[in-house]
Amino acid sequence: MLWFQGSIPDAIKSAKQRSLVFVVVITGEDEQSAQLMSSWEDDRVSEAAQKCCVAIKVEAKSDTCAQFSQICILLLCEV
């Protein structure tokens, strides 16, 4: 999988500019995360994803993940 290497705001901007879906994949060190990452690394999935989305990978225990989670909560509260 070709993961977006910039920041979350840059990934969102890129997705908007290219009219693609923005995807955040949150990974951990558990079995479910390993299975999820295995799916994303499948050649067919990776090729299809690159045509329709800008995907960024975020570690579950990172500051970036905590900040993004807070933003998502705020966005959901506005709906």
PDB file of N, CA and C in Angstrom:
ATOM      1  N   MET A   1       0.851  -1.185   0.000  1.00  0.00           N
ATOM      2  CA  MET A   1       0.000   0.000   0.000  1.00  0.00           C
ATOM      3  C   MET A   1       0.882   1.227   0.000  1.00  0.00           C
ATOM      4  N   LEU A   2       0.508   2.170  -0.802  1.00  0.00           N
ATOM      5  CA  LEU A   2       1.219   3.439  -0.844  1.00  0.00           C
ATOM      6  C   LEU A   2       0.499   4.405   0.094  1.00  0.00           C
ATOM      7  N   TRP A   3       0.973   4.480   1.342  1.00  0.00           N
ATOM      8  CA  TRP A   3       0.353   5.346   2.347  1.00  0.00           C
ATOM      9  C   TRP A   3       0.754   6.787   2.129  1.00  0.00           C
ATOM     10  N   PHE A   4      -0.172   7.701   2.375  1.00  0.00           N
ATOM     11  CA  PHE A   4       0.131   9.130   2.307  1.00  0.00           C
ATOM     12  C   PHE A   4       1.157   9.429   3.383  1.00  0.00           C
ATOM     13  N   GLN A   5       2.209  10.151   3.040  1.00  0.00           N
ATOM     14  CA  GLN A   5       3.318  10.376   3.965  1.00  0.00           C
ATOM     15  C   GLN A   5       3.254  11.700   4.714  1.00  0.00           C
ATOM     16  N   GLY A   6       2.345  12.566   4.339  1.00  0.00           N
ATOM     17  CA  GLY A   6       2.246  13.859   5.000  1.00  0.00           C
ATOM     18  C   GLY A   6       1.357  13.816   6.228  1.00  0.00           C
ATOM     19  N   SER A   7       0.956  14.989   6.669  1.00  0.00           N
ATOM     20  CA  SER A   7       0.100  15.115   7.848  1.00  0.00           C
ATOM     21  C   SER A   7      -1.359  14.815   7.485  1.00  0.00           C
ATOM     22  N   ILE A   8      -2.185  14.657   8.506  1.00  0.00           N
ATOM     23  CA  ILE A   8      -3.613  14.433   8.276  1.00  0.00           C
ATOM     24  C   ILE A   8      -4.239  15.614   7.520  1.00  0.00           C
ATOM     25  N   PRO A   9      -3.957  16.874   7.932  1.00  0.00           N
ATOM     26  CA  PRO A   9      -4.529  17.986   7.153  1.00  0.00           C
ATOM     27  C   PRO A   9      -4.096  17.970   5.685  1.00  0.00           C
ATOM     28  N   ASP A  10      -2.840  17.604   5.430  1.00  0.00           N
ATOM     29  CA  ASP A  10      -2.370  17.523   4.045  1.00  0.00           C
ATOM     30  C   ASP A  10      -3.059  16.391   3.284  1.00  0.00           C
ATOM     31  N   ALA A  11      -3.315  15.280   3.973  1.00  0.00           N
ATOM     32  CA  ALA A  11      -4.019  14.161   3.336  1.00  0.00           C
ATOM     33  C   ALA A  11      -5.452  14.548   2.992  1.00  0.00           C
ATOM     34  N   ILE A  12      -6.102  15.252   3.903  1.00  0.00           N
ATOM     35  CA  ILE A  12      -7.467  15.715   3.645  1.00  0.00           C
ATOM     36  C   ILE A  12      -7.478  16.663   2.448  1.00  0.00           C
ATOM     37  N   LYS A  13      -6.534  17.577   2.417  1.00  0.00           N
ATOM     38  CA  LYS A  13      -6.434  18.534   1.308  1.00  0.00           C
ATOM     39  C   LYS A  13      -6.217  17.803  -0.016  1.00  0.00           C
ATOM     40  N   SER A  14      -5.323  16.826  -0.010  1.00  0.00           N
ATOM     41  CA  SER A  14      -5.051  16.049  -1.215  1.00  0.00           C
ATOM     42  C   SER A  14      -6.296  15.306  -1.680  1.00  0.00           C
ATOM     43  N   ALA A  15      -7.018  14.702  -0.752  1.00  0.00           N
ATOM     44  CA  ALA A  15      -8.239  13.980  -1.109  1.00  0.00           C
ATOM     45  C   ALA A  15      -9.277  14.918  -1.710  1.00  0.00           C
ATOM     46  N   LYS A  16      -9.434  16.089  -1.100  1.00  0.00           N
ATOM     47  CA  LYS A  16     -10.394  17.063  -1.631  1.00  0.00           C
ATOM     48  C   LYS A  16     -10.004  17.516  -3.026  1.00  0.00           C
ATOM     49  N   GLN A  17      -8.737  17.850  -3.220  1.00  0.00           N
ATOM     50  CA  GLN A  17      -8.268  18.335  -4.518  1.00  0.00           C
ATOM     51  C   GLN A  17      -8.452  17.293  -5.614  1.00  0.00           C
ATOM     52  N   ARG A  18      -8.285  16.040  -5.256  1.00  0.00           N
ATOM     53  CA  ARG A  18      -8.368  14.955  -6.236  1.00  0.00           C
ATOM     54  C   ARG A  18      -9.739  14.286  -6.264  1.00  0.00           C
ATOM     55  N   SER A  19     -10.678  14.801  -5.451  1.00  0.00           N
ATOM     56  CA  SER A  19     -12.038  14.240  -5.348  1.00  0.00           C
ATOM     57  C   SER A  19     -12.008  12.749  -5.005  1.00  0.00           C
ATOM     58  N   LEU A  20     -11.187  12.420  -4.008  1.00  0.00           N
ATOM     59  CA  LEU A  20     -11.063  11.044  -3.545  1.00  0.00           C
ATOM     60  C   LEU A  20     -11.540  10.934  -2.100  1.00  0.00           C
ATOM     61  N   VAL A  21     -11.780   9.739  -1.656  1.00  0.00           N
ATOM     62  CA  VAL A  21     -12.182   9.464  -0.283  1.00  0.00           C
ATOM     63  C   VAL A  21     -10.947   9.554   0.614  1.00  0.00           C
ATOM     64  N   PHE A  22     -11.113  10.162   1.788  1.00  0.00           N
ATOM     65  CA  PHE A  22     -10.047  10.235   2.782  1.00  0.00           C
ATOM     66  C   PHE A  22     -10.230   9.085   3.760  1.00  0.00           C
ATOM     67  N   VAL A  23      -9.188   8.278   3.940  1.00  0.00           N
ATOM     68  CA  VAL A  23      -9.255   7.098   4.795  1.00  0.00           C
ATOM     69  C   VAL A  23      -8.147   7.156   5.839  1.00  0.00           C
ATOM     70  N   VAL A  24      -8.529   6.941   7.097  1.00  0.00           N
ATOM     71  CA  VAL A  24      -7.550   6.836   8.180  1.00  0.00           C
ATOM     72  C   VAL A  24      -7.588   5.404   8.683  1.00  0.00           C
ATOM     73  N   VAL A  25      -6.442   4.753   8.660  1.00  0.00           N
ATOM     74  CA  VAL A  25      -6.324   3.393   9.181  1.00  0.00           C
ATOM     75  C   VAL A  25      -5.541   3.489  10.485  1.00  0.00           C
ATOM     76  N   ILE A  26      -6.197   3.111  11.578  1.00  0.00           N
ATOM     77  CA  ILE A  26      -5.553   3.163  12.895  1.00  0.00           C
ATOM     78  C   ILE A  26      -5.036   1.769  13.224  1.00  0.00           C
ATOM     79  N   THR A  27      -3.733   1.678  13.467  1.00  0.00           N
ATOM     80  CA  THR A  27      -3.101   0.384  13.705  1.00  0.00           C
ATOM     81  C   THR A  27      -2.628   0.245  15.143  1.00  0.00           C
ATOM     82  N   GLY A  28      -2.589  -0.974  15.580  1.00  0.00           N
ATOM     83  CA  GLY A  28      -2.086  -1.287  16.912  1.00  0.00           C
ATOM     84  C   GLY A  28      -1.149  -2.467  16.830  1.00  0.00           C
ATOM     85  N   GLU A  29      -0.946  -3.103  17.960  1.00  0.00           N
ATOM     86  CA  GLU A  29      -0.037  -4.246  18.005  1.00  0.00           C
ATOM     87  C   GLU A  29      -0.786  -5.543  18.282  1.00  0.00           C
ATOM     88  N   ASP A  30      -2.086  -5.553  18.031  1.00  0.00           N
ATOM     89  CA  ASP A  30      -2.893  -6.738  18.282  1.00  0.00           C
ATOM     90  C   ASP A  30      -3.132  -7.525  16.993  1.00  0.00           C
ATOM     91  N   GLU A  31      -3.763  -8.678  17.133  1.00  0.00           N
ATOM     92  CA  GLU A  31      -4.007  -9.556  15.996  1.00  0.00           C
ATOM     93  C   GLU A  31      -4.938  -8.918  14.959  1.00  0.00           C
ATOM     94  N   GLN A  32      -5.953  -8.198  15.416  1.00  0.00           N
ATOM     95  CA  GLN A  32      -6.871  -7.537  14.474  1.00  0.00           C
ATOM     96  C   GLN A  32      -6.135  -6.516  13.618  1.00  0.00           C
ATOM     97  N   SER A  33      -5.231  -5.769  14.208  1.00  0.00           N
ATOM     98  CA  SER A  33      -4.447  -4.791  13.454  1.00  0.00           C
ATOM     99  C   SER A  33      -3.569  -5.492  12.424  1.00  0.00           C
ATOM    100  N   ALA A  34      -2.975  -6.600  12.814  1.00  0.00           N
ATOM    101  CA  ALA A  34      -2.136  -7.356  11.878  1.00  0.00           C
ATOM    102  C   ALA A  34      -2.965  -7.847  10.692  1.00  0.00           C
ATOM    103  N   GLN A  35      -4.176  -8.340  10.966  1.00  0.00           N
ATOM    104  CA  GLN A  35      -5.054  -8.798   9.888  1.00  0.00           C
ATOM    105  C   GLN A  35      -5.482  -7.641   8.987  1.00  0.00           C
ATOM    106  N   LEU A  36      -5.813  -6.514   9.611  1.00  0.00           N
ATOM    107  CA  LEU A  36      -6.215  -5.331   8.853  1.00  0.00           C
ATOM    108  C   LEU A  36      -5.087  -4.883   7.927  1.00  0.00           C
ATOM    109  N   MET A  37      -3.875  -4.793   8.469  1.00  0.00           N
ATOM    110  CA  MET A  37      -2.739  -4.348   7.663  1.00  0.00           C
ATOM    111  C   MET A  37      -2.430  -5.338   6.546  1.00  0.00           C
ATOM    112  N   SER A  38      -2.608  -6.612   6.820  1.00  0.00           N
ATOM    113  CA  SER A  38      -2.391  -7.625   5.794  1.00  0.00           C
ATOM    114  C   SER A  38      -3.353  -7.411   4.626  1.00  0.00           C
ATOM    115  N   SER A  39      -4.586  -7.062   4.941  1.00  0.00           N
ATOM    116  CA  SER A  39      -5.575  -6.789   3.884  1.00  0.00           C
ATOM    117  C   SER A  39      -5.176  -5.582   3.053  1.00  0.00           C
ATOM    118  N   TRP A  40      -4.747  -4.509   3.725  1.00  0.00           N
ATOM    119  CA  TRP A  40      -4.353  -3.292   3.008  1.00  0.00           C
ATOM    120  C   TRP A  40      -3.117  -3.528   2.144  1.00  0.00           C
ATOM    121  N   GLU A  41      -2.258  -4.456   2.543  1.00  0.00           N
ATOM    122  CA  GLU A  41      -1.024  -4.711   1.796  1.00  0.00           C
ATOM    123  C   GLU A  41      -1.227  -5.670   0.623  1.00  0.00           C
ATOM    124  N   ASP A  42      -2.398  -6.281   0.533  1.00  0.00           N
ATOM    125  CA  ASP A  42      -2.712  -7.135  -0.604  1.00  0.00           C
ATOM    126  C   ASP A  42      -2.620  -6.306  -1.876  1.00  0.00           C
ATOM    127  N   ASP A  43      -1.965  -6.818  -2.893  1.00  0.00           N
ATOM    128  CA  ASP A  43      -1.741  -6.062  -4.133  1.00  0.00           C
ATOM    129  C   ASP A  43      -3.033  -5.565  -4.766  1.00  0.00           C
ATOM    130  N   ARG A  44      -4.072  -6.396  -4.769  1.00  0.00           N
ATOM    131  CA  ARG A  44      -5.342  -5.992  -5.395  1.00  0.00           C
ATOM    132  C   ARG A  44      -6.004  -4.862  -4.617  1.00  0.00           C
ATOM    133  N   VAL A  45      -5.987  -4.974  -3.294  1.00  0.00           N
ATOM    134  CA  VAL A  45      -6.585  -3.935  -2.450  1.00  0.00           C
ATOM    135  C   VAL A  45      -5.796  -2.635  -2.599  1.00  0.00           C
ATOM    136  N   SER A  46      -4.487  -2.737  -2.553  1.00  0.00           N
ATOM    137  CA  SER A  46      -3.631  -1.563  -2.668  1.00  0.00           C
ATOM    138  C   SER A  46      -3.852  -0.839  -3.997  1.00  0.00           C
ATOM    139  N   GLU A  47      -3.911  -1.595  -5.067  1.00  0.00           N
ATOM    140  CA  GLU A  47      -4.122  -1.001  -6.389  1.00  0.00           C
ATOM    141  C   GLU A  47      -5.484  -0.320  -6.481  1.00  0.00           C
ATOM    142  N   ALA A  48      -6.511  -0.981  -5.989  1.00  0.00           N
ATOM    143  CA  ALA A  48      -7.855  -0.398  -6.019  1.00  0.00           C
ATOM    144  C   ALA A  48      -7.936   0.849  -5.145  1.00  0.00           C
ATOM    145  N   ALA A  49      -7.322   0.801  -3.971  1.00  0.00           N
ATOM    146  CA  ALA A  49      -7.368   1.934  -3.039  1.00  0.00           C
ATOM    147  C   ALA A  49      -6.697   3.165  -3.626  1.00  0.00           C
ATOM    148  N   GLN A  50      -5.607   2.979  -4.320  1.00  0.00           N
ATOM    149  CA  GLN A  50      -4.892   4.117  -4.878  1.00  0.00           C
ATOM    150  C   GLN A  50      -5.710   4.860  -5.932  1.00  0.00           C
ATOM    151  N   LYS A  51      -6.682   4.189  -6.520  1.00  0.00           N
ATOM    152  CA  LYS A  51      -7.534   4.812  -7.532  1.00  0.00           C
ATOM    153  C   LYS A  51      -8.687   5.605  -6.928  1.00  0.00           C
ATOM    154  N   CYS A  52      -9.038   5.312  -5.654  1.00  0.00           N
ATOM    155  CA  CYS A  52     -10.244   5.927  -5.122  1.00  0.00           C
ATOM    156  C   CYS A  52     -10.065   6.634  -3.774  1.00  0.00           C
ATOM    157  N   CYS A  53      -8.879   6.553  -3.160  1.00  0.00           N
ATOM    158  CA  CYS A  53      -8.750   7.169  -1.846  1.00  0.00           C
ATOM    159  C   CYS A  53      -7.336   7.651  -1.552  1.00  0.00           C
ATOM    160  N   VAL A  54      -7.273   8.540  -0.600  1.00  0.00           N
ATOM    161  CA  VAL A  54      -6.010   8.965  -0.007  1.00  0.00           C
ATOM    162  C   VAL A  54      -6.022   8.360   1.388  1.00  0.00           C
ATOM    163  N   ALA A  55      -5.107   7.419   1.627  1.00  0.00           N
ATOM    164  CA  ALA A  55      -5.103   6.679   2.889  1.00  0.00           C
ATOM    165  C   ALA A  55      -3.873   7.041   3.713  1.00  0.00           C
ATOM    166  N   ILE A  56      -4.108   7.210   4.997  1.00  0.00           N
ATOM    167  CA  ILE A  56      -3.030   7.514   5.925  1.00  0.00           C
ATOM    168  C   ILE A  56      -3.095   6.495   7.065  1.00  0.00           C
ATOM    169  N   LYS A  57      -1.920   6.044   7.500  1.00  0.00           N
ATOM    170  CA  LYS A  57      -1.828   5.057   8.577  1.00  0.00           C
ATOM    171  C   LYS A  57      -1.372   5.771   9.840  1.00  0.00           C
ATOM    172  N   VAL A  58      -2.097   5.536  10.951  1.00  0.00           N
ATOM    173  CA  VAL A  58      -1.807   6.207  12.215  1.00  0.00           C
ATOM    174  C   VAL A  58      -1.705   5.151  13.316  1.00  0.00           C
ATOM    175  N   GLU A  59      -0.662   5.242  14.114  1.00  0.00           N
ATOM    176  CA  GLU A  59      -0.491   4.325  15.247  1.00  0.00           C
ATOM    177  C   GLU A  59      -1.504   4.661  16.343  1.00  0.00           C
ATOM    178  N   ALA A  60      -2.154   3.653  16.893  1.00  0.00           N
ATOM    179  CA  ALA A  60      -3.217   3.845  17.883  1.00  0.00           C
ATOM    180  C   ALA A  60      -2.750   4.596  19.125  1.00  0.00           C
ATOM    181  N   LYS A  61      -1.531   4.392  19.536  1.00  0.00           N
ATOM    182  CA  LYS A  61      -1.033   5.010  20.767  1.00  0.00           C
ATOM    183  C   LYS A  61      -0.272   6.313  20.528  1.00  0.00           C
ATOM    184  N   SER A  62      -0.397   6.872  19.347  1.00  0.00           N
ATOM    185  CA  SER A  62       0.346   8.089  19.012  1.00  0.00           C
ATOM    186  C   SER A  62      -0.438   9.351  19.365  1.00  0.00           C
ATOM    187  N   ASP A  63       0.289  10.448  19.489  1.00  0.00           N
ATOM    188  CA  ASP A  63      -0.353  11.748  19.707  1.00  0.00           C
ATOM    189  C   ASP A  63      -1.252  12.111  18.534  1.00  0.00           C
ATOM    190  N   THR A  64      -0.806  11.765  17.338  1.00  0.00           N
ATOM    191  CA  THR A  64      -1.598  12.053  16.139  1.00  0.00           C
ATOM    192  C   THR A  64      -2.959  11.374  16.213  1.00  0.00           C
ATOM    193  N   CYS A  65      -2.983  10.142  16.663  1.00  0.00           N
ATOM    194  CA  CYS A  65      -4.247   9.405  16.791  1.00  0.00           C
ATOM    195  C   CYS A  65      -5.154  10.061  17.830  1.00  0.00           C
ATOM    196  N   ALA A  66      -4.579  10.435  18.964  1.00  0.00           N
ATOM    197  CA  ALA A  66      -5.376  11.084  20.021  1.00  0.00           C
ATOM    198  C   ALA A  66      -5.973  12.395  19.520  1.00  0.00           C
ATOM    199  N   GLN A  67      -5.175  13.179  18.799  1.00  0.00           N
ATOM    200  CA  GLN A  67      -5.661  14.454  18.264  1.00  0.00           C
ATOM    201  C   GLN A  67      -6.751  14.226  17.226  1.00  0.00           C
ATOM    202  N   PHE A  68      -6.544  13.264  16.344  1.00  0.00           N
ATOM    203  CA  PHE A  68      -7.533  12.980  15.312  1.00  0.00           C
ATOM    204  C   PHE A  68      -8.837  12.486  15.934  1.00  0.00           C
ATOM    205  N   SER A  69      -8.734  11.671  16.968  1.00  0.00           N
ATOM    206  CA  SER A  69      -9.930  11.172  17.663  1.00  0.00           C
ATOM    207  C   SER A  69     -10.751  12.317  18.236  1.00  0.00           C
ATOM    208  N   GLN A  70     -10.079  13.305  18.779  1.00  0.00           N
ATOM    209  CA  GLN A  70     -10.782  14.462  19.334  1.00  0.00           C
ATOM    210  C   GLN A  70     -11.498  15.252  18.245  1.00  0.00           C
ATOM    211  N   ILE A  71     -10.862  15.400  17.111  1.00  0.00           N
ATOM    212  CA  ILE A  71     -11.481  16.103  15.987  1.00  0.00           C
ATOM    213  C   ILE A  71     -12.721  15.350  15.524  1.00  0.00           C
ATOM    214  N   CYS A  72     -12.628  14.034  15.421  1.00  0.00           N
ATOM    215  CA  CYS A  72     -13.769  13.225  14.988  1.00  0.00           C
ATOM    216  C   CYS A  72     -14.943  13.353  15.944  1.00  0.00           C
ATOM    217  N   ILE A  73     -14.665  13.375  17.239  1.00  0.00           N
ATOM    218  CA  ILE A  73     -15.724  13.543  18.227  1.00  0.00           C
ATOM    219  C   ILE A  73     -16.416  14.887  18.027  1.00  0.00           C
ATOM    220  N   LEU A  74     -15.638  15.936  17.812  1.00  0.00           N
ATOM    221  CA  LEU A  74     -16.225  17.257  17.590  1.00  0.00           C
ATOM    222  C   LEU A  74     -17.083  17.290  16.343  1.00  0.00           C
ATOM    223  N   LEU A  75     -16.607  16.648  15.285  1.00  0.00           N
ATOM    224  CA  LEU A  75     -17.365  16.625  14.033  1.00  0.00           C
ATOM    225  C   LEU A  75     -18.678  15.857  14.194  1.00  0.00           C
ATOM    226  N   LEU A  76     -18.637  14.753  14.921  1.00  0.00           N
ATOM    227  CA  LEU A  76     -19.851  13.966  15.132  1.00  0.00           C
ATOM    228  C   LEU A  76     -20.873  14.714  15.979  1.00  0.00           C
ATOM    229  N   CYS A  77     -20.387  15.514  16.912  1.00  0.00           N
ATOM    230  CA  CYS A  77     -21.288  16.289  17.755  1.00  0.00           C
ATOM    231  C   CYS A  77     -22.034  17.363  16.963  1.00  0.00           C
ATOM    232  N   GLU A  78     -21.446  17.819  15.867  1.00  0.00           N
ATOM    233  CA  GLU A  78     -22.064  18.861  15.050  1.00  0.00           C
ATOM    234  C   GLU A  78     -23.151  18.299  14.140  1.00  0.00           C
ATOM    235  N   VAL A  79     -23.177  17.006  13.929  1.00  0.00           N
ATOM    236  CA  VAL A  79     -24.140  16.394  13.001  1.00  0.00           C
ATOM    237  C   VAL A  79     -25.503  16.356  13.574  1.00  0.00           C
TER     238      VAL A  79
END
